[in-house]
Amino acid sequence: MNTVKAMKNAIVCLILLPRFFLAAIMLWFLDFHCVRKRVFPKMKEQEGNIVDPPVCISESNRMFSWESIKAVWHGHKLDFLKSAHLGNVAPNTEVVQLRDQRCNRILDYAKEKRPLILNFGSCT
């Protein structure tokens, strides 16, 4: 069973690599463009003024960082492995009733000639 799971993960990775690399290159271009837009005009302003320190771009405000690359990969993987896809049948997931903790399926609540409305909220 582990071999099948490893093969599935390898196939998913091969399918996702082109999309991932394209997104990473776009992040790099956007980052380069933003840094260039911020740094070059300020360097021209500071050429005559020696008192001001040089402009420094830190890692925390860059788009092309290790954390952003990991987030892009994770997002592509989640999007690929989701169970609901446009044009396909909606997944009939399990829900738990709050009153008696009984498990049902979402489509168990559907009735003929009446739309099923799902209201997702949070309790924080």
PDB file of N, CA and C in Angstrom:
ATOM      1  N   MET A   1       0.819  -1.194   0.000  1.00  0.00           N
ATOM      2  CA  MET A   1       0.000   0.000   0.000  1.00  0.00           C
ATOM      3  C   MET A   1       0.865   1.262   0.000  1.00  0.00           C
ATOM      4  N   ASN A   2       2.008   1.227   0.692  1.00  0.00           N
ATOM      5  CA  ASN A   2       2.908   2.379   0.714  1.00  0.00           C
ATOM      6  C   ASN A   2       3.490   2.666  -0.662  1.00  0.00           C
ATOM      7  N   THR A   3       3.704   1.620  -1.450  1.00  0.00           N
ATOM      8  CA  THR A   3       4.238   1.804  -2.792  1.00  0.00           C
ATOM      9  C   THR A   3       3.230   2.556  -3.671  1.00  0.00           C
ATOM     10  N   VAL A   4       1.963   2.215  -3.530  1.00  0.00           N
ATOM     11  CA  VAL A   4       0.916   2.882  -4.308  1.00  0.00           C
ATOM     12  C   VAL A   4       0.837   4.354  -3.912  1.00  0.00           C
ATOM     13  N   LYS A   5       0.912   4.626  -2.616  1.00  0.00           N
ATOM     14  CA  LYS A   5       0.856   6.012  -2.137  1.00  0.00           C
ATOM     15  C   LYS A   5       2.067   6.804  -2.622  1.00  0.00           C
ATOM     16  N   ALA A   6       3.239   6.188  -2.599  1.00  0.00           N
ATOM     17  CA  ALA A   6       4.460   6.851  -3.074  1.00  0.00           C
ATOM     18  C   ALA A   6       4.365   7.140  -4.568  1.00  0.00           C
ATOM     19  N   MET A   7       3.819   6.194  -5.338  1.00  0.00           N
ATOM     20  CA  MET A   7       3.655   6.402  -6.773  1.00  0.00           C
ATOM     21  C   MET A   7       2.657   7.531  -7.053  1.00  0.00           C
ATOM     22  N   LYS A   8       1.574   7.562  -6.272  1.00  0.00           N
ATOM     23  CA  LYS A   8       0.581   8.621  -6.448  1.00  0.00           C
ATOM     24  C   LYS A   8       1.208   9.985  -6.143  1.00  0.00           C
ATOM     25  N   ASN A   9       1.975  10.074  -5.065  1.00  0.00           N
ATOM     26  CA  ASN A   9       2.646  11.335  -4.719  1.00  0.00           C
ATOM     27  C   ASN A   9       3.637  11.756  -5.792  1.00  0.00           C
ATOM     28  N   ALA A  10       4.366  10.789  -6.350  1.00  0.00           N
ATOM     29  CA  ALA A  10       5.338  11.103  -7.406  1.00  0.00           C
ATOM     30  C   ALA A  10       4.635  11.623  -8.660  1.00  0.00           C
ATOM     31  N   ILE A  11       3.515  11.017  -9.021  1.00  0.00           N
ATOM     32  CA  ILE A  11       2.765  11.459 -10.201  1.00  0.00           C
ATOM     33  C   ILE A  11       2.194  12.850  -9.974  1.00  0.00           C
ATOM     34  N   VAL A  12       1.647  13.092  -8.771  1.00  0.00           N
ATOM     35  CA  VAL A  12       1.118  14.416  -8.451  1.00  0.00           C
ATOM     36  C   VAL A  12       2.224  15.463  -8.542  1.00  0.00           C
ATOM     37  N   CYS A  13       3.400  15.145  -8.015  1.00  0.00           N
ATOM     38  CA  CYS A  13       4.523  16.087  -8.077  1.00  0.00           C
ATOM     39  C   CYS A  13       4.920  16.384  -9.517  1.00  0.00           C
ATOM     40  N   LEU A  14       4.969  15.376 -10.354  1.00  0.00           N
ATOM     41  CA  LEU A  14       5.327  15.594 -11.760  1.00  0.00           C
ATOM     42  C   LEU A  14       4.288  16.438 -12.490  1.00  0.00           C
ATOM     43  N   ILE A  15       3.025  16.250 -12.146  1.00  0.00           N
ATOM     44  CA  ILE A  15       1.971  17.043 -12.774  1.00  0.00           C
ATOM     45  C   ILE A  15       2.033  18.493 -12.304  1.00  0.00           C
ATOM     46  N   LEU A  16       2.333  18.691 -11.023  1.00  0.00           N
ATOM     47  CA  LEU A  16       2.314  20.032 -10.457  1.00  0.00           C
ATOM     48  C   LEU A  16       3.579  20.849 -10.723  1.00  0.00           C
ATOM     49  N   LEU A  17       4.677  20.219 -11.036  1.00  0.00           N
ATOM     50  CA  LEU A  17       5.946  20.945 -11.201  1.00  0.00           C
ATOM     51  C   LEU A  17       5.890  22.082 -12.221  1.00  0.00           C
ATOM     52  N   PRO A  18       5.337  21.890 -13.419  1.00  0.00           N
ATOM     53  CA  PRO A  18       5.303  23.030 -14.355  1.00  0.00           C
ATOM     54  C   PRO A  18       4.510  24.226 -13.826  1.00  0.00           C
ATOM     55  N   ARG A  19       3.335  23.965 -13.221  1.00  0.00           N
ATOM     56  CA  ARG A  19       2.543  25.062 -12.644  1.00  0.00           C
ATOM     57  C   ARG A  19       3.288  25.734 -11.510  1.00  0.00           C
ATOM     58  N   PHE A  20       3.949  24.942 -10.677  1.00  0.00           N
ATOM     59  CA  PHE A  20       4.685  25.481  -9.543  1.00  0.00           C
ATOM     60  C   PHE A  20       5.842  26.360 -10.012  1.00  0.00           C
ATOM     61  N   PHE A  21       6.608  25.880 -10.978  1.00  0.00           N
ATOM     62  CA  PHE A  21       7.745  26.661 -11.470  1.00  0.00           C
ATOM     63  C   PHE A  21       7.284  27.961 -12.123  1.00  0.00           C
ATOM     64  N   LEU A  22       6.187  27.924 -12.839  1.00  0.00           N
ATOM     65  CA  LEU A  22       5.651  29.136 -13.443  1.00  0.00           C
ATOM     66  C   LEU A  22       5.256  30.146 -12.358  1.00  0.00           C
ATOM     67  N   ALA A  23       4.594  29.675 -11.306  1.00  0.00           N
ATOM     68  CA  ALA A  23       4.205  30.576 -10.212  1.00  0.00           C
ATOM     69  C   ALA A  23       5.442  31.128  -9.489  1.00  0.00           C
ATOM     70  N   ALA A  24       6.465  30.297  -9.286  1.00  0.00           N
ATOM     71  CA  ALA A  24       7.694  30.753  -8.623  1.00  0.00           C
ATOM     72  C   ALA A  24       8.417  31.800  -9.464  1.00  0.00           C
ATOM     73  N   ILE A  25       8.451  31.597 -10.772  1.00  0.00           N
ATOM     74  CA  ILE A  25       9.095  32.585 -11.654  1.00  0.00           C
ATOM     75  C   ILE A  25       8.328  33.897 -11.627  1.00  0.00           C
ATOM     76  N   MET A  26       6.989  33.816 -11.606  1.00  0.00           N
ATOM     77  CA  MET A  26       6.185  35.036 -11.525  1.00  0.00           C
ATOM     78  C   MET A  26       6.445  35.774 -10.210  1.00  0.00           C
ATOM     79  N   LEU A  27       6.572  35.046  -9.104  1.00  0.00           N
ATOM     80  CA  LEU A  27       6.900  35.683  -7.822  1.00  0.00           C
ATOM     81  C   LEU A  27       8.256  36.375  -7.902  1.00  0.00           C
ATOM     82  N   TRP A  28       9.225  35.704  -8.539  1.00  0.00           N
ATOM     83  CA  TRP A  28      10.557  36.289  -8.643  1.00  0.00           C
ATOM     84  C   TRP A  28      10.514  37.575  -9.477  1.00  0.00           C
ATOM     85  N   PHE A  29       9.789  37.530 -10.613  1.00  0.00           N
ATOM     86  CA  PHE A  29       9.673  38.731 -11.442  1.00  0.00           C
ATOM     87  C   PHE A  29       8.984  39.869 -10.701  1.00  0.00           C
ATOM     88  N   LEU A  30       7.889  39.564  -9.990  1.00  0.00           N
ATOM     89  CA  LEU A  30       7.196  40.594  -9.220  1.00  0.00           C
ATOM     90  C   LEU A  30       8.096  41.163  -8.138  1.00  0.00           C
ATOM     91  N   ASP A  31       8.823  40.299  -7.456  1.00  0.00           N
ATOM     92  CA  ASP A  31       9.735  40.742  -6.400  1.00  0.00           C
ATOM     93  C   ASP A  31      10.828  41.633  -6.984  1.00  0.00           C
ATOM     94  N   PHE A  32      11.418  41.210  -8.092  1.00  0.00           N
ATOM     95  CA  PHE A  32      12.472  41.987  -8.734  1.00  0.00           C
ATOM     96  C   PHE A  32      11.941  43.344  -9.176  1.00  0.00           C
ATOM     97  N   HIS A  33      10.725  43.352  -9.737  1.00  0.00           N
ATOM     98  CA  HIS A  33      10.127  44.603 -10.198  1.00  0.00           C
ATOM     99  C   HIS A  33       9.869  45.548  -9.018  1.00  0.00           C
ATOM    100  N   CYS A  34       9.320  45.015  -7.918  1.00  0.00           N
ATOM    101  CA  CYS A  34       9.030  45.860  -6.745  1.00  0.00           C
ATOM    102  C   CYS A  34      10.302  46.399  -6.112  1.00  0.00           C
ATOM    103  N   VAL A  35      11.334  45.564  -6.004  1.00  0.00           N
ATOM    104  CA  VAL A  35      12.604  46.007  -5.424  1.00  0.00           C
ATOM    105  C   VAL A  35      13.215  47.086  -6.309  1.00  0.00           C
ATOM    106  N   ARG A  36      13.167  46.857  -7.620  1.00  0.00           N
ATOM    107  CA  ARG A  36      13.714  47.834  -8.551  1.00  0.00           C
ATOM    108  C   ARG A  36      12.968  49.160  -8.464  1.00  0.00           C
ATOM    109  N   LYS A  37      11.654  49.101  -8.327  1.00  0.00           N
ATOM    110  CA  LYS A  37      10.846  50.308  -8.234  1.00  0.00           C
ATOM    111  C   LYS A  37      11.145  51.095  -6.961  1.00  0.00           C
ATOM    112  N   ARG A  38      11.453  50.362  -5.862  1.00  0.00           N
ATOM    113  CA  ARG A  38      11.707  51.033  -4.585  1.00  0.00           C
ATOM    114  C   ARG A  38      13.143  51.505  -4.441  1.00  0.00           C
ATOM    115  N   VAL A  39      14.075  50.710  -4.909  1.00  0.00           N
ATOM    116  CA  VAL A  39      15.490  50.982  -4.632  1.00  0.00           C
ATOM    117  C   VAL A  39      16.087  52.014  -5.580  1.00  0.00           C
ATOM    118  N   PHE A  40      15.899  51.864  -6.881  1.00  0.00           N
ATOM    119  CA  PHE A  40      16.582  52.739  -7.828  1.00  0.00           C
ATOM    120  C   PHE A  40      16.222  54.212  -7.686  1.00  0.00           C
ATOM    121  N   PRO A  41      14.931  54.561  -7.526  1.00  0.00           N
ATOM    122  CA  PRO A  41      14.642  55.995  -7.340  1.00  0.00           C
ATOM    123  C   PRO A  41      15.260  56.558  -6.047  1.00  0.00           C
ATOM    124  N   LYS A  42      15.270  55.763  -4.987  1.00  0.00           N
ATOM    125  CA  LYS A  42      15.844  56.246  -3.722  1.00  0.00           C
ATOM    126  C   LYS A  42      17.360  56.375  -3.808  1.00  0.00           C
ATOM    127  N   MET A  43      17.992  55.485  -4.586  1.00  0.00           N
ATOM    128  CA  MET A  43      19.440  55.590  -4.759  1.00  0.00           C
ATOM    129  C   MET A  43      19.800  56.864  -5.512  1.00  0.00           C
ATOM    130  N   LYS A  44      18.972  57.233  -6.501  1.00  0.00           N
ATOM    131  CA  LYS A  44      19.225  58.465  -7.247  1.00  0.00           C
ATOM    132  C   LYS A  44      19.056  59.685  -6.350  1.00  0.00           C
ATOM    133  N   GLU A  45      18.049  59.631  -5.451  1.00  0.00           N
ATOM    134  CA  GLU A  45      17.835  60.742  -4.523  1.00  0.00           C
ATOM    135  C   GLU A  45      18.995  60.882  -3.544  1.00  0.00           C
ATOM    136  N   GLN A  46      19.588  59.764  -3.141  1.00  0.00           N
ATOM    137  CA  GLN A  46      20.612  59.772  -2.099  1.00  0.00           C
ATOM    138  C   GLN A  46      22.025  59.965  -2.622  1.00  0.00           C
ATOM    139  N   GLU A  47      22.216  60.040  -3.917  1.00  0.00           N
ATOM    140  CA  GLU A  47      23.565  60.193  -4.459  1.00  0.00           C
ATOM    141  C   GLU A  47      24.257  61.444  -3.935  1.00  0.00           C
ATOM    142  N   GLY A  48      23.509  62.525  -3.841  1.00  0.00           N
ATOM    143  CA  GLY A  48      24.122  63.766  -3.378  1.00  0.00           C
ATOM    144  C   GLY A  48      24.131  63.903  -1.871  1.00  0.00           C
ATOM    145  N   ASN A  49      23.320  63.138  -1.148  1.00  0.00           N
ATOM    146  CA  ASN A  49      23.190  63.262   0.300  1.00  0.00           C
ATOM    147  C   ASN A  49      23.888  62.087   0.984  1.00  0.00           C
ATOM    148  N   ILE A  50      25.044  62.313   1.570  1.00  0.00           N
ATOM    149  CA  ILE A  50      25.834  61.243   2.182  1.00  0.00           C
ATOM    150  C   ILE A  50      25.331  60.905   3.586  1.00  0.00           C
ATOM    151  N   VAL A  51      24.560  61.768   4.218  1.00  0.00           N
ATOM    152  CA  VAL A  51      24.107  61.560   5.594  1.00  0.00           C
ATOM    153  C   VAL A  51      23.127  60.396   5.692  1.00  0.00           C
ATOM    154  N   ASP A  52      22.242  60.221   4.696  1.00  0.00           N
ATOM    155  CA  ASP A  52      21.243  59.159   4.749  1.00  0.00           C
ATOM    156  C   ASP A  52      21.894  57.793   4.557  1.00  0.00           C
ATOM    157  N   PRO A  53      21.420  56.774   5.304  1.00  0.00           N
ATOM    158  CA  PRO A  53      21.954  55.421   5.100  1.00  0.00           C
ATOM    159  C   PRO A  53      21.436  54.841   3.787  1.00  0.00           C
ATOM    160  N   PRO A  54      22.113  53.857   3.223  1.00  0.00           N
ATOM    161  CA  PRO A  54      21.647  53.258   1.968  1.00  0.00           C
ATOM    162  C   PRO A  54      20.334  52.508   2.191  1.00  0.00           C
ATOM    163  N   VAL A  55      19.540  52.402   1.141  1.00  0.00           N
ATOM    164  CA  VAL A  55      18.274  51.689   1.206  1.00  0.00           C
ATOM    165  C   VAL A  55      18.553  50.198   1.324  1.00  0.00           C
ATOM    166  N   CYS A  56      17.830  49.532   2.228  1.00  0.00           N
ATOM    167  CA  CYS A  56      18.027  48.093   2.444  1.00  0.00           C
ATOM    168  C   CYS A  56      16.681  47.391   2.340  1.00  0.00           C
ATOM    169  N   ILE A  57      16.607  46.380   1.540  1.00  0.00           N
ATOM    170  CA  ILE A  57      15.389  45.581   1.416  1.00  0.00           C
ATOM    171  C   ILE A  57      15.591  44.330   2.252  1.00  0.00           C
ATOM    172  N   SER A  58      14.744  44.134   3.256  1.00  0.00           N
ATOM    173  CA  SER A  58      14.899  42.975   4.129  1.00  0.00           C
ATOM    174  C   SER A  58      14.164  41.773   3.551  1.00  0.00           C
ATOM    175  N   GLU A  59      14.431  40.600   4.100  1.00  0.00           N
ATOM    176  CA  GLU A  59      13.782  39.375   3.648  1.00  0.00           C
ATOM    177  C   GLU A  59      12.311  39.337   4.034  1.00  0.00           C
ATOM    178  N   SER A  60      11.919  40.108   5.049  1.00  0.00           N
ATOM    179  CA  SER A  60      10.538  40.029   5.526  1.00  0.00           C
ATOM    180  C   SER A  60       9.546  40.660   4.556  1.00  0.00           C
ATOM    181  N   ASN A  61       9.981  41.566   3.695  1.00  0.00           N
ATOM    182  CA  ASN A  61       9.035  42.203   2.773  1.00  0.00           C
ATOM    183  C   ASN A  61       9.280  41.802   1.321  1.00  0.00           C
ATOM    184  N   ARG A  62       9.839  40.637   1.123  1.00  0.00           N
ATOM    185  CA  ARG A  62      10.048  40.128  -0.229  1.00  0.00           C
ATOM    186  C   ARG A  62       9.003  39.077  -0.549  1.00  0.00           C
ATOM    187  N   MET A  63       8.618  39.001  -1.807  1.00  0.00           N
ATOM    188  CA  MET A  63       7.627  38.007  -2.211  1.00  0.00           C
ATOM    189  C   MET A  63       8.287  36.677  -2.559  1.00  0.00           C
ATOM    190  N   PHE A  64       9.525  36.703  -3.005  1.00  0.00           N
ATOM    191  CA  PHE A  64      10.220  35.479  -3.399  1.00  0.00           C
ATOM    192  C   PHE A  64      11.073  35.016  -2.227  1.00  0.00           C
ATOM    193  N   SER A  65      10.434  34.405  -1.243  1.00  0.00           N
ATOM    194  CA  SER A  65      11.146  33.884  -0.077  1.00  0.00           C
ATOM    195  C   SER A  65      10.830  32.396   0.055  1.00  0.00           C
ATOM    196  N   TRP A  66      11.544  31.718   0.924  1.00  0.00           N
ATOM    197  CA  TRP A  66      11.347  30.289   1.112  1.00  0.00           C
ATOM    198  C   TRP A  66       9.914  30.008   1.592  1.00  0.00           C
ATOM    199  N   GLU A  67       9.384  30.857   2.485  1.00  0.00           N
ATOM    200  CA  GLU A  67       8.033  30.656   3.001  1.00  0.00           C
ATOM    201  C   GLU A  67       6.992  30.820   1.893  1.00  0.00           C
ATOM    202  N   SER A  68       7.181  31.808   1.029  1.00  0.00           N
ATOM    203  CA  SER A  68       6.205  32.005  -0.048  1.00  0.00           C
ATOM    204  C   SER A  68       6.265  30.865  -1.060  1.00  0.00           C
ATOM    205  N   ILE A  69       7.450  30.343  -1.327  1.00  0.00           N
ATOM    206  CA  ILE A  69       7.583  29.212  -2.252  1.00  0.00           C
ATOM    207  C   ILE A  69       6.887  27.982  -1.668  1.00  0.00           C
ATOM    208  N   LYS A  70       7.071  27.737  -0.367  1.00  0.00           N
ATOM    209  CA  LYS A  70       6.391  26.609   0.276  1.00  0.00           C
ATOM    210  C   LYS A  70       4.876  26.793   0.227  1.00  0.00           C
ATOM    211  N   ALA A  71       4.394  28.020   0.440  1.00  0.00           N
ATOM    212  CA  ALA A  71       2.958  28.279   0.401  1.00  0.00           C
ATOM    213  C   ALA A  71       2.396  28.064  -1.005  1.00  0.00           C
ATOM    214  N   VAL A  72       3.143  28.457  -2.022  1.00  0.00           N
ATOM    215  CA  VAL A  72       2.696  28.246  -3.407  1.00  0.00           C
ATOM    216  C   VAL A  72       2.592  26.751  -3.705  1.00  0.00           C
ATOM    217  N   TRP A  73       3.604  25.986  -3.300  1.00  0.00           N
ATOM    218  CA  TRP A  73       3.587  24.531  -3.536  1.00  0.00           C
ATOM    219  C   TRP A  73       2.396  23.896  -2.810  1.00  0.00           C
ATOM    220  N   HIS A  74       2.196  24.272  -1.548  1.00  0.00           N
ATOM    221  CA  HIS A  74       1.104  23.706  -0.757  1.00  0.00           C
ATOM    222  C   HIS A  74      -0.246  24.075  -1.384  1.00  0.00           C
ATOM    223  N   GLY A  75      -0.395  25.302  -1.839  1.00  0.00           N
ATOM    224  CA  GLY A  75      -1.643  25.721  -2.471  1.00  0.00           C
ATOM    225  C   GLY A  75      -1.933  24.970  -3.753  1.00  0.00           C
ATOM    226  N   HIS A  76      -0.912  24.763  -4.579  1.00  0.00           N
ATOM    227  CA  HIS A  76      -1.101  24.006  -5.825  1.00  0.00           C
ATOM    228  C   HIS A  76      -1.483  22.560  -5.515  1.00  0.00           C
ATOM    229  N   LYS A  77      -0.833  21.990  -4.498  1.00  0.00           N
ATOM    230  CA  LYS A  77      -1.119  20.603  -4.135  1.00  0.00           C
ATOM    231  C   LYS A  77      -2.547  20.462  -3.595  1.00  0.00           C
ATOM    232  N   LEU A  78      -2.978  21.384  -2.730  1.00  0.00           N
ATOM    233  CA  LEU A  78      -4.344  21.337  -2.208  1.00  0.00           C
ATOM    234  C   LEU A  78      -5.371  21.512  -3.317  1.00  0.00           C
ATOM    235  N   ASP A  79      -5.105  22.412  -4.236  1.00  0.00           N
ATOM    236  CA  ASP A  79      -6.026  22.652  -5.336  1.00  0.00           C
ATOM    237  C   ASP A  79      -6.164  21.415  -6.220  1.00  0.00           C
ATOM    238  N   PHE A  80      -5.050  20.722  -6.460  1.00  0.00           N
ATOM    239  CA  PHE A  80      -5.070  19.546  -7.317  1.00  0.00           C
ATOM    240  C   PHE A  80      -5.787  18.373  -6.649  1.00  0.00           C
ATOM    241  N   LEU A  81      -5.612  18.223  -5.331  1.00  0.00           N
ATOM    242  CA  LEU A  81      -6.148  17.064  -4.626  1.00  0.00           C
ATOM    243  C   LEU A  81      -7.539  17.280  -4.032  1.00  0.00           C
ATOM    244  N   LYS A  82      -8.137  18.425  -4.250  1.00  0.00           N
ATOM    245  CA  LYS A  82      -9.471  18.652  -3.675  1.00  0.00           C
ATOM    246  C   LYS A  82     -10.501  17.730  -4.315  1.00  0.00           C
ATOM    247  N   SER A  83     -11.545  17.458  -3.569  1.00  0.00           N
ATOM    248  CA  SER A  83     -12.534  16.509  -4.061  1.00  0.00           C
ATOM    249  C   SER A  83     -13.605  17.169  -4.920  1.00  0.00           C
ATOM    250  N   ALA A  84     -13.792  18.468  -4.812  1.00  0.00           N
ATOM    251  CA  ALA A  84     -14.795  19.169  -5.612  1.00  0.00           C
ATOM    252  C   ALA A  84     -14.120  19.863  -6.786  1.00  0.00           C
ATOM    253  N   HIS A  85     -14.600  19.562  -7.979  1.00  0.00           N
ATOM    254  CA  HIS A  85     -14.076  20.187  -9.188  1.00  0.00           C
ATOM    255  C   HIS A  85     -15.237  20.727 -10.009  1.00  0.00           C
ATOM    256  N   LEU A  86     -14.995  21.808 -10.706  1.00  0.00           N
ATOM    257  CA  LEU A  86     -16.018  22.452 -11.525  1.00  0.00           C
ATOM    258  C   LEU A  86     -16.531  21.484 -12.593  1.00  0.00           C
ATOM    259  N   GLY A  87     -17.847  21.347 -12.651  1.00  0.00           N
ATOM    260  CA  GLY A  87     -18.453  20.480 -13.651  1.00  0.00           C
ATOM    261  C   GLY A  87     -18.669  19.052 -13.192  1.00  0.00           C
ATOM    262  N   ASN A  88     -18.090  18.661 -12.077  1.00  0.00           N
ATOM    263  CA  ASN A  88     -18.267  17.303 -11.555  1.00  0.00           C
ATOM    264  C   ASN A  88     -19.384  17.285 -10.515  1.00  0.00           C
ATOM    265  N   VAL A  89     -19.783  16.098 -10.117  1.00  0.00           N
ATOM    266  CA  VAL A  89     -20.798  15.937  -9.085  1.00  0.00           C
ATOM    267  C   VAL A  89     -20.223  16.427  -7.747  1.00  0.00           C
ATOM    268  N   ALA A  90     -21.045  17.137  -6.995  1.00  0.00           N
ATOM    269  CA  ALA A  90     -20.605  17.659  -5.697  1.00  0.00           C
ATOM    270  C   ALA A  90     -20.363  16.507  -4.725  1.00  0.00           C
ATOM    271  N   PRO A  91     -19.320  16.607  -3.894  1.00  0.00           N
ATOM    272  CA  PRO A  91     -19.076  15.551  -2.919  1.00  0.00           C
ATOM    273  C   PRO A  91     -20.164  15.554  -1.838  1.00  0.00           C
ATOM    274  N   ASN A  92     -20.582  14.381  -1.440  1.00  0.00           N
ATOM    275  CA  ASN A  92     -21.601  14.225  -0.407  1.00  0.00           C
ATOM    276  C   ASN A  92     -20.895  13.953   0.919  1.00  0.00           C
ATOM    277  N   THR A  93     -20.361  15.002   1.505  1.00  0.00           N
ATOM    278  CA  THR A  93     -19.546  14.833   2.709  1.00  0.00           C
ATOM    279  C   THR A  93     -20.408  14.596   3.941  1.00  0.00           C
ATOM    280  N   GLU A  94     -19.755  14.097   4.965  1.00  0.00           N
ATOM    281  CA  GLU A  94     -20.426  13.778   6.213  1.00  0.00           C
ATOM    282  C   GLU A  94     -20.503  15.017   7.104  1.00  0.00           C
ATOM    283  N   VAL A  95     -21.650  15.196   7.757  1.00  0.00           N
ATOM    284  CA  VAL A  95     -21.831  16.294   8.707  1.00  0.00           C
ATOM    285  C   VAL A  95     -22.321  15.720  10.028  1.00  0.00           C
ATOM    286  N   VAL A  96     -22.047  16.433  11.105  1.00  0.00           N
ATOM    287  CA  VAL A  96     -22.443  15.991  12.443  1.00  0.00           C
ATOM    288  C   VAL A  96     -23.505  16.944  12.970  1.00  0.00           C
ATOM    289  N   GLN A  97     -24.617  16.395  13.423  1.00  0.00           N
ATOM    290  CA  GLN A  97     -25.661  17.207  14.021  1.00  0.00           C
ATOM    291  C   GLN A  97     -25.218  17.632  15.421  1.00  0.00           C
ATOM    292  N   LEU A  98     -25.454  18.883  15.739  1.00  0.00           N
ATOM    293  CA  LEU A  98     -25.026  19.396  17.037  1.00  0.00           C
ATOM    294  C   LEU A  98     -25.860  18.845  18.191  1.00  0.00           C
ATOM    295  N   ARG A  99     -27.132  18.586  17.937  1.00  0.00           N
ATOM    296  CA  ARG A  99     -28.018  18.133  19.021  1.00  0.00           C
ATOM    297  C   ARG A  99     -27.590  16.798  19.611  1.00  0.00           C
ATOM    298  N   ASP A 100     -27.473  15.792  18.768  1.00  0.00           N
ATOM    299  CA  ASP A 100     -27.218  14.440  19.286  1.00  0.00           C
ATOM    300  C   ASP A 100     -25.925  13.816  18.752  1.00  0.00           C
ATOM    301  N   GLN A 101     -25.081  14.608  18.120  1.00  0.00           N
ATOM    302  CA  GLN A 101     -23.786  14.154  17.587  1.00  0.00           C
ATOM    303  C   GLN A 101     -23.932  13.005  16.584  1.00  0.00           C
ATOM    304  N   ARG A 102     -25.082  12.932  15.907  1.00  0.00           N
ATOM    305  CA  ARG A 102     -25.320  11.906  14.910  1.00  0.00           C
ATOM    306  C   ARG A 102     -24.730  12.331  13.571  1.00  0.00           C
ATOM    307  N   CYS A 103     -24.152  11.392  12.834  1.00  0.00           N
ATOM    308  CA  CYS A 103     -23.541  11.692  11.532  1.00  0.00           C
ATOM    309  C   CYS A 103     -24.528  11.418  10.403  1.00  0.00           C
ATOM    310  N   ASN A 104     -24.631  12.351   9.488  1.00  0.00           N
ATOM    311  CA  ASN A 104     -25.435  12.225   8.274  1.00  0.00           C
ATOM    312  C   ASN A 104     -24.615  12.730   7.105  1.00  0.00           C
ATOM    313  N   ARG A 105     -25.170  12.580   5.920  1.00  0.00           N
ATOM    314  CA  ARG A 105     -24.563  13.135   4.716  1.00  0.00           C
ATOM    315  C   ARG A 105     -25.323  14.396   4.331  1.00  0.00           C
ATOM    316  N   ILE A 106     -24.638  15.331   3.643  1.00  0.00           N
ATOM    317  CA  ILE A 106     -25.266  16.605   3.287  1.00  0.00           C
ATOM    318  C   ILE A 106     -26.523  16.389   2.440  1.00  0.00           C
ATOM    319  N   LEU A 107     -26.447  15.497   1.459  1.00  0.00           N
ATOM    320  CA  LEU A 107     -27.588  15.304   0.564  1.00  0.00           C
ATOM    321  C   LEU A 107     -28.757  14.591   1.236  1.00  0.00           C
ATOM    322  N   ASP A 108     -28.592  14.082   2.467  1.00  0.00           N
ATOM    323  CA  ASP A 108     -29.709  13.518   3.211  1.00  0.00           C
ATOM    324  C   ASP A 108     -30.734  14.598   3.570  1.00  0.00           C
ATOM    325  N   TYR A 109     -30.312  15.848   3.604  1.00  0.00           N
ATOM    326  CA  TYR A 109     -31.194  16.959   3.961  1.00  0.00           C
ATOM    327  C   TYR A 109     -31.907  17.558   2.748  1.00  0.00           C
ATOM    328  N   ALA A 110     -31.567  17.131   1.560  1.00  0.00           N
ATOM    329  CA  ALA A 110     -32.196  17.661   0.350  1.00  0.00           C
ATOM    330  C   ALA A 110     -33.587  17.070   0.188  1.00  0.00           C
ATOM    331  N   LYS A 111     -34.513  17.922  -0.249  1.00  0.00           N
ATOM    332  CA  LYS A 111     -35.878  17.480  -0.505  1.00  0.00           C
ATOM    333  C   LYS A 111     -36.239  17.862  -1.934  1.00  0.00           C
ATOM    334  N   GLU A 112     -37.135  17.079  -2.515  1.00  0.00           N
ATOM    335  CA  GLU A 112     -37.505  17.313  -3.908  1.00  0.00           C
ATOM    336  C   GLU A 112     -38.205  18.662  -4.071  1.00  0.00           C
ATOM    337  N   LYS A 113     -37.880  19.352  -5.160  1.00  0.00           N
ATOM    338  CA  LYS A 113     -38.448  20.659  -5.518  1.00  0.00           C
ATOM    339  C   LYS A 113     -38.181  21.721  -4.454  1.00  0.00           C
ATOM    340  N   ARG A 114     -37.075  21.580  -3.764  1.00  0.00           N
ATOM    341  CA  ARG A 114     -36.700  22.572  -2.753  1.00  0.00           C
ATOM    342  C   ARG A 114     -35.170  22.671  -2.745  1.00  0.00           C
ATOM    343  N   PRO A 115     -34.623  23.889  -2.905  1.00  0.00           N
ATOM    344  CA  PRO A 115     -33.156  23.999  -2.940  1.00  0.00           C
ATOM    345  C   PRO A 115     -32.541  23.732  -1.563  1.00  0.00           C
ATOM    346  N   LEU A 116     -31.381  23.159  -1.591  1.00  0.00           N
ATOM    347  CA  LEU A 116     -30.631  22.920  -0.366  1.00  0.00           C
ATOM    348  C   LEU A 116     -29.651  24.074  -0.186  1.00  0.00           C
ATOM    349  N   ILE A 117     -29.775  24.789   0.902  1.00  0.00           N
ATOM    350  CA  ILE A 117     -28.917  25.945   1.171  1.00  0.00           C
ATOM    351  C   ILE A 117     -27.983  25.603   2.318  1.00  0.00           C
ATOM    352  N   LEU A 118     -26.698  25.771   2.083  1.00  0.00           N
ATOM    353  CA  LEU A 118     -25.700  25.534   3.118  1.00  0.00           C
ATOM    354  C   LEU A 118     -25.189  26.869   3.618  1.00  0.00           C
ATOM    355  N   ASN A 119     -25.216  27.050   4.907  1.00  0.00           N
ATOM    356  CA  ASN A 119     -24.741  28.288   5.522  1.00  0.00           C
ATOM    357  C   ASN A 119     -23.539  27.929   6.383  1.00  0.00           C
ATOM    358  N   PHE A 120     -22.354  28.329   5.935  1.00  0.00           N
ATOM    359  CA  PHE A 120     -21.136  28.040   6.689  1.00  0.00           C
ATOM    360  C   PHE A 120     -20.812  29.245   7.558  1.00  0.00           C
ATOM    361  N   GLY A 121     -20.697  29.026   8.833  1.00  0.00           N
ATOM    362  CA  GLY A 121     -20.371  30.101   9.766  1.00  0.00           C
ATOM    363  C   GLY A 121     -19.280  29.639  10.708  1.00  0.00           C
ATOM    364  N   SER A 122     -18.927  30.521  11.618  1.00  0.00           N
ATOM    365  CA  SER A 122     -17.898  30.134  12.588  1.00  0.00           C
ATOM    366  C   SER A 122     -18.350  30.541  13.979  1.00  0.00           C
ATOM    367  N   CYS A 123     -17.854  29.856  14.945  1.00  0.00           N
ATOM    368  CA  CYS A 123     -18.138  30.170  16.348  1.00  0.00           C
ATOM    369  C   CYS A 123     -16.815  30.512  17.014  1.00  0.00           C
ATOM    370  N   THR A 124     -16.502  31.773  17.051  1.00  0.00           N
ATOM    371  CA  THR A 124     -15.238  32.188  17.673  1.00  0.00           C
ATOM    372  C   THR A 124     -15.495  33.113  18.833  1.00  0.00           C
TER     373      THR A 124
END
